[in-house]
Amino acid sequence: MRPANEPFIAHRPGRKTRGDTLPVSRGYFSGVNALKNARAESFWFASLLTLTGGFLDAYTFCCRDGVFSNAQTGNIVQVGIALSRGDLHGIVRYFIPIVAFTCGVLLAMYIRDRSRGPIELWQRRILLMEIAVAAAVSFIPSGHMLNIAANVMISFLCALQYEAFRKVSGKAFASTMCTGNLRSGSECLYQAIAGGDRAKRRDAAHYFGIIHVFIAGAAIGVLVTNLLSEAAVFAAVLPLAVAFVCLR
């Protein structure tokens, strides 16, 4: 029965009131967003990004003056070596990708903070920017200054990806470098062996699987670069495009 103090509201047959529909709509959209978030953190989605990361690292090393554009530790060491030798050219050559990487992280954070709506919306924007940068680099011919420009753009691309996609199966990971993944995978492996933790065994498998995907991407990058030279980077558009479609 209706409580005495509750007003009577007539319902027409087949017609739902706003109160009837809102909870359903909210629940529906919450479920869709949760599904997309889970998809963005799935192993297969992370593998697409990691394949791209390995490919790009091999590409810049093989045909863009031996620079690793993904992780900046090597470039920072090279800056220190060049500084000790008084090599101004070397300082500039290796310092510029570091600045580009920093700018990429800053831009990704800016896009995230300014975006309205679900997380996959700004992540799709990041993927579109990555696709545009990779396509643009494929048209840059080889040359000293041109290679510097290409490395700057690839470092910028990798920073966007590194900042925007940071989890696999709910765990922190990196799609553009392997040191952190190797450490995390080793920790999970120890916990799986020492404590018999099945969840940690699965996490270790994910981390080491991601490392193998990175190696595969690097191997593919070498083969494609040997065939297509500077234009080989256009092949990186394919996994990025698939990742973009997966977030729709």
Foldseek 3Di string as FASTA:
>chain_A
DDDPPDDDDDDDPPDDDPVRCVVVVVVVVVVVLVVLVQLLQALVLLLLLLLLLLLLQLQCCPFLVRDRLQDLPVLVVQLVVCVVVVNPVSNVLSVLSVVLLVVLLVVLVVLQVPDDDGLLVSVLVLLVLLLVLLQVQLPQDDDNVSSSVNSSSSNSNNSNQQNSRAHHPRHGDGSNDQPVLVVLLVVLVVCCVVVVDPVSVVSNCSSVVSVVSSVVSNVVSNVQCVVRPRNSSNVSSVSSVVSSVSSD
